[in-house]
Amino acid sequence: MSKDLREILKNKVEENLNLSNNHRINFEARLKNELHQEQKNGFGFWKIAASITILIGLAVSIYFFNTNPVEPKLAKTFDSLGSVSPELKKVENFYLASIQSEILELEQTAENKELLDGYLEKISELDNDYKDLTSDLNTDGINEKIINALIDNLQLRLKLLYQLKEQLNNLKTVNKLKNETNNI
């Protein structure tokens, strides 16, 4: 149980403690001696710490310079932009789905066949460029420049399809106007 410190001190009988006549002088001398010892030993810690740091640095440098070169691990191969990261997979899937959707919406007629073939040929070339960029990704490793080029390729293909769709709509409008003027 806890006791009240005040009560303990009240009940304590005061003893007459006499200090020696030289007590203060002895105390000051001892204090100066301890402070003097601390000043001498103060750099000892830093000397030990510096020695340990140098030894560790030497050990690490010897280890790295004397070890055999690390044999390359089998590199992960990338078959598309989506295999680099989940975020890039989402980007790639978005563009590929949009491209596929736009291609499926195209109607081929006798009037637009030549225009359609020209655009689809250009998109096919861009698809081959995409495959080349993917092989560059495998040889050069993950590189921001290559990843940006892959995304730009997908964006360009989609942009071409939007342009094609717009030109097909314009062609359809022109043909409709011609038919109306011929019927009048």
Protein backbone atom coordinates (compact mmCIF):
# COMPACT_ATOMS: atom_id res chain seq x y z
CA MET A 1 0.00 0.00 0.00
CA SER A 2 1.12 3.53 -0.60
CA LYS A 3 2.25 5.63 2.32
CA ASP A 4 2.11 9.35 2.63
CA LEU A 5 5.61 10.75 2.37
CA ARG A 6 4.77 13.65 4.67
CA GLU A 7 3.88 11.34 7.50
CA ILE A 8 7.05 9.36 7.09
CA LEU A 9 9.10 12.54 7.31
CA LYS A 10 7.18 13.73 10.42
CA ASN A 11 7.78 10.47 12.21
CA LYS A 12 11.44 10.29 11.31
CA VAL A 13 13.73 11.18 14.07
CA GLU A 14 16.18 13.75 12.99
CA GLU A 15 19.68 12.61 13.40
CA ASN A 16 22.39 15.07 13.88
CA LEU A 17 24.48 14.75 10.81
CA ASN A 18 27.76 16.48 11.02
CA LEU A 19 29.75 16.95 7.90
CA SER A 20 33.48 17.11 8.03
CA ASN A 21 35.12 20.50 7.88
CA ASN A 22 36.65 19.72 4.49
CA HIS A 23 33.45 18.30 3.00
CA ARG A 24 32.79 21.22 0.67
CA ILE A 25 36.41 21.35 -0.53
CA ASN A 26 36.50 17.58 -1.08
CA PHE A 27 33.20 17.72 -2.98
CA GLU A 28 34.38 20.51 -5.29
CA ALA A 29 37.69 18.71 -5.96
CA ARG A 30 35.89 15.48 -6.79
CA LEU A 31 33.46 17.33 -9.06
CA LYS A 32 36.30 19.03 -10.94
CA ASN A 33 38.06 15.69 -11.31
CA GLU A 34 34.92 14.06 -12.79
CA LEU A 35 34.37 16.95 -15.21
CA HIS A 36 38.00 16.78 -16.27
CA GLN A 37 37.65 13.02 -16.93
CA GLU A 38 34.52 13.59 -19.04
CA GLN A 39 36.33 16.16 -21.16
CA LYS A 40 39.18 13.74 -21.80
CA ASN A 41 36.85 10.87 -22.66
CA GLY A 42 34.39 13.00 -24.64
CA PHE A 43 36.15 12.40 -27.94
CA GLY A 44 36.60 8.71 -27.24
CA PHE A 45 33.07 7.93 -28.37
CA TRP A 46 33.54 9.85 -31.62
CA LYS A 47 36.84 8.09 -32.28
CA ILE A 48 35.18 4.70 -31.88
CA ALA A 49 32.19 5.70 -34.02
CA ALA A 50 34.49 7.02 -36.78
CA SER A 51 36.57 3.83 -36.70
CA ILE A 52 33.49 1.63 -37.00
CA THR A 53 32.17 3.75 -39.89
CA ILE A 54 35.48 3.46 -41.76
CA LEU A 55 35.60 -0.31 -41.21
CA ILE A 56 32.04 -0.74 -42.48
CA GLY A 57 32.80 1.43 -45.53
CA LEU A 58 35.90 -0.61 -46.33
CA ALA A 59 34.05 -3.89 -45.89
CA VAL A 60 31.24 -2.80 -48.20
CA SER A 61 33.61 -1.52 -50.89
CA ILE A 62 35.71 -4.70 -50.76
CA TYR A 63 32.57 -6.79 -51.03
CA PHE A 64 31.25 -4.93 -54.08
CA PHE A 65 34.57 -4.73 -55.91
CA ASN A 66 35.53 -8.35 -55.31
CA THR A 67 32.24 -10.06 -56.02
CA ASN A 68 31.48 -11.49 -59.42
CA PRO A 69 29.16 -9.45 -61.58
CA VAL A 70 25.56 -10.30 -60.98
CA GLU A 71 24.19 -12.51 -63.71
CA PRO A 72 21.09 -11.02 -65.24
CA LYS A 73 17.86 -12.57 -64.14
CA LEU A 74 15.39 -13.65 -66.72
CA ALA A 75 13.68 -10.43 -67.63
CA LYS A 76 9.93 -10.28 -67.65
CA THR A 77 8.66 -10.02 -71.17
CA PHE A 78 5.92 -7.61 -72.07
CA ASP A 79 3.46 -8.53 -74.77
CA SER A 80 1.56 -5.25 -74.48
CA LEU A 81 1.36 -2.02 -72.53
CA GLY A 82 -1.12 -3.65 -70.15
CA SER A 83 1.44 -6.16 -68.90
CA VAL A 84 3.56 -3.35 -67.40
CA SER A 85 1.12 -2.31 -64.66
CA PRO A 86 -2.59 -2.55 -63.78
CA GLU A 87 -3.07 1.19 -64.38
CA LEU A 88 -1.59 0.96 -67.87
CA LYS A 89 -3.70 -2.12 -68.53
CA LYS A 90 -6.81 -0.02 -67.85
CA VAL A 91 -5.57 2.69 -70.23
CA GLU A 92 -4.74 0.17 -72.93
CA ASN A 93 -8.07 -1.65 -72.54
CA PHE A 94 -9.96 1.65 -72.78
CA TYR A 95 -8.28 2.64 -76.04
CA LEU A 96 -8.45 -0.83 -77.59
CA ALA A 97 -12.15 -1.14 -76.73
CA SER A 98 -12.84 2.32 -78.16
CA ILE A 99 -10.89 1.50 -81.33
CA GLN A 100 -12.72 -1.80 -81.76
CA SER A 101 -16.07 -0.11 -81.16
CA GLU A 102 -15.36 2.57 -83.77
CA ILE A 103 -14.26 -0.03 -86.34
CA LEU A 104 -17.43 -2.06 -85.78
CA GLU A 105 -19.58 1.03 -86.34
CA LEU A 106 -18.10 1.65 -89.81
CA GLU A 107 -20.27 0.86 -92.82
CA GLN A 108 -18.52 -0.02 -96.03
CA THR A 109 -20.20 1.07 -99.25
CA ALA A 110 -19.02 1.43 -102.82
CA GLU A 111 -18.61 5.19 -102.37
CA ASN A 112 -16.50 5.03 -99.19
CA LYS A 113 -14.49 1.83 -99.84
CA GLU A 114 -11.35 3.65 -101.00
CA LEU A 115 -11.41 6.11 -98.12
CA LEU A 116 -12.09 3.33 -95.62
CA ASP A 117 -9.27 1.14 -96.98
CA GLY A 118 -6.78 4.03 -96.76
CA TYR A 119 -7.58 4.71 -93.12
CA LEU A 120 -7.64 1.02 -92.16
CA GLU A 121 -4.24 0.58 -93.81
CA LYS A 122 -2.83 3.47 -91.77
CA ILE A 123 -4.32 1.97 -88.59
CA SER A 124 -2.73 -1.37 -89.49
CA GLU A 125 0.66 0.36 -89.84
CA LEU A 126 0.15 1.94 -86.42
CA ASP A 127 -0.68 -1.48 -85.01
CA ASN A 128 2.63 -2.81 -86.38
CA ASP A 129 4.42 0.20 -84.86
CA TYR A 130 2.75 -0.65 -81.54
CA LYS A 131 4.17 -4.18 -81.74
CA ASP A 132 7.63 -2.76 -82.51
CA LEU A 133 7.38 -0.43 -79.52
CA THR A 134 6.36 -3.38 -77.33
CA SER A 135 9.45 -5.28 -78.46
CA ASP A 136 11.51 -2.16 -77.63
CA LEU A 137 9.93 -2.27 -74.18
CA ASN A 138 11.26 -5.82 -73.81
CA THR A 139 14.78 -4.98 -75.01
CA ASP A 140 15.23 -1.55 -73.38
CA GLY A 141 13.18 -2.19 -70.26
CA ILE A 142 10.39 -0.10 -68.80
CA ASN A 143 11.03 3.39 -70.04
CA GLU A 144 8.79 6.45 -69.79
CA LYS A 145 9.54 7.44 -73.38
CA ILE A 146 8.43 4.05 -74.75
CA ILE A 147 5.33 3.95 -72.56
CA ASN A 148 4.34 7.43 -73.74
CA ALA A 149 4.92 6.37 -77.35
CA LEU A 150 2.66 3.32 -76.85
CA ILE A 151 -0.10 5.48 -75.39
CA ASP A 152 0.35 8.05 -78.17
CA ASN A 153 0.04 5.24 -80.72
CA LEU A 154 -3.28 4.14 -79.23
CA GLN A 155 -4.52 7.74 -79.11
CA LEU A 156 -3.51 8.31 -82.74
CA ARG A 157 -5.36 5.20 -83.90
CA LEU A 158 -8.51 6.33 -82.12
CA LYS A 159 -8.13 9.86 -83.48
CA LEU A 160 -7.80 8.50 -87.03
CA LEU A 161 -10.97 6.50 -86.57
CA TYR A 162 -12.82 9.62 -85.38
CA GLN A 163 -11.54 11.51 -88.44
CA LEU A 164 -12.60 8.63 -90.68
CA LYS A 165 -16.05 8.60 -89.12
CA GLU A 166 -16.35 12.36 -89.63
CA GLN A 167 -15.27 12.10 -93.29
CA LEU A 168 -17.69 9.23 -93.87
CA ASN A 169 -20.51 11.35 -92.43
CA ASN A 170 -19.47 14.25 -94.68
CA LEU A 171 -19.35 11.92 -97.69
CA LYS A 172 -22.77 10.56 -96.83
CA THR A 173 -24.16 14.11 -96.55
CA VAL A 174 -22.64 15.10 -99.90
CA ASN A 175 -24.09 11.97 -101.56
CA LYS A 176 -27.47 12.66 -100.03
CA LEU A 177 -27.42 16.25 -101.38
CA LYS A 178 -26.42 14.97 -104.84
CA ASN A 179 -29.28 12.50 -104.84
CA GLU A 180 -31.75 15.18 -103.77
CA THR A 181 -30.57 17.58 -106.53
CA ASN A 182 -30.72 14.79 -109.12
CA ASN A 183 -34.30 13.92 -108.09
CA ILE A 184 -35.50 17.51 -108.46
